[in-house]
Protein backbone atom coordinates (compact mmCIF):
# COMPACT_ATOMS: atom_id res chain seq x y z
CA MET A 1 82.57 -202.87 28.83
CA THR A 2 80.90 -205.17 31.36
CA ILE A 3 83.30 -207.17 33.52
CA HIS A 4 80.89 -208.66 36.06
CA SER A 5 78.36 -211.37 35.32
CA HIS A 6 75.33 -212.87 36.98
CA ARG A 7 74.30 -215.41 34.36
CA PHE A 8 73.88 -218.38 36.71
CA VAL A 9 70.75 -217.02 38.37
CA GLU A 10 69.28 -216.18 34.95
CA GLU A 11 69.87 -219.66 33.53
CA TYR A 12 69.46 -221.98 36.56
CA GLU A 13 66.31 -224.09 36.43
CA GLY A 14 66.97 -226.42 39.36
CA LEU A 15 65.62 -226.49 42.87
CA THR A 16 66.31 -223.51 45.12
CA GLY A 17 66.35 -224.68 48.71
CA PHE A 18 68.78 -225.55 51.45
CA GLY A 19 69.55 -228.80 53.25
CA LEU A 20 68.68 -231.38 50.60
CA ASP A 21 72.18 -232.09 49.26
CA ARG A 22 75.49 -230.31 48.69
CA GLU A 23 74.89 -229.52 45.01
CA THR A 24 71.49 -227.95 45.67
CA ASP A 25 72.94 -226.01 48.63
CA GLU A 26 75.76 -224.65 46.43
CA ASN A 27 73.35 -223.66 43.64
CA THR A 28 71.00 -222.03 46.14
CA VAL A 29 73.81 -219.93 47.65
CA ILE A 30 74.86 -218.80 44.15
CA CYS A 31 71.27 -217.81 43.35
CA TYR A 32 70.78 -216.00 46.66
CA LEU A 33 74.04 -214.06 46.37
CA GLN A 34 73.40 -213.08 42.76
CA LYS A 35 69.84 -212.00 43.54
CA PHE A 36 70.98 -210.19 46.69
CA SER A 37 73.57 -208.17 44.75
CA ASP A 38 71.02 -206.96 42.20
CA ASP A 39 71.41 -203.19 41.80
CA GLU A 40 67.75 -202.37 42.48
CA LEU A 41 67.60 -204.56 45.59
CA MET A 42 70.86 -203.11 46.93
CA LYS A 43 69.63 -199.56 46.30
CA THR A 44 66.53 -200.37 48.36
CA ILE A 45 68.11 -202.28 51.25
CA ILE A 46 71.56 -200.69 51.77
CA LYS A 47 70.33 -197.61 53.66
CA ARG A 48 68.16 -199.82 55.91
CA LEU A 49 71.07 -201.94 57.12
CA SER A 50 72.51 -201.10 60.50
CA ASP A 51 76.22 -200.36 60.90
CA ASP A 52 76.60 -203.80 62.51
CA GLU A 53 74.87 -205.50 59.58
CA LEU A 54 77.08 -203.68 57.09
CA GLU A 55 80.19 -204.68 59.03
CA SER A 56 79.00 -208.27 59.33
CA ILE A 57 78.38 -208.64 55.58
CA PHE A 58 81.73 -207.03 54.74
CA SER A 59 83.63 -209.12 57.29
CA THR A 60 82.02 -212.39 56.24
CA ILE A 61 82.73 -211.87 52.55
CA SER A 62 86.30 -210.71 53.26
CA ARG A 63 86.98 -213.71 55.53
CA ILE A 64 85.65 -216.17 52.96
CA MET A 65 87.81 -214.69 50.21
CA LYS A 66 90.93 -214.63 52.41
CA THR A 67 90.33 -218.27 53.34
CA HIS A 68 89.54 -219.66 49.91
CA LEU A 69 91.31 -217.48 47.33
CA SER A 70 94.98 -217.08 46.64
CA GLU A 71 96.25 -213.52 46.14
CA PRO A 72 96.33 -213.92 42.33
CA GLU A 73 92.80 -215.37 42.34
CA TYR A 74 91.57 -212.48 44.47
CA HIS A 75 92.98 -209.97 41.99
CA ARG A 76 91.77 -211.83 38.93
CA LEU A 77 88.34 -213.01 40.10
CA PHE A 78 87.21 -210.35 42.59
CA LEU A 79 89.07 -207.17 41.65
CA LYS A 80 89.01 -208.11 37.95
CA ASP A 81 92.54 -206.81 37.55
CA SER A 82 93.84 -207.22 34.03
CA GLU A 83 97.25 -208.77 33.63
């Protein structure tokens, strides 16, 4: 059973670029993150990242989630805990 999805990047037909307007910026970040987390790309790049780069990515994502998600949202949306 698949519990993760990356449909946005598959269906989005708008502009991908940064700095034009908030909506385009948001859509671009979604596309970049979904493309970045692609299994084949991650398999290729993960071993090339330095320890500092790994820590930076992990810390940034963790900080964003702590800032913008409640504990229940974190469990439901990120961990995909079932009730």
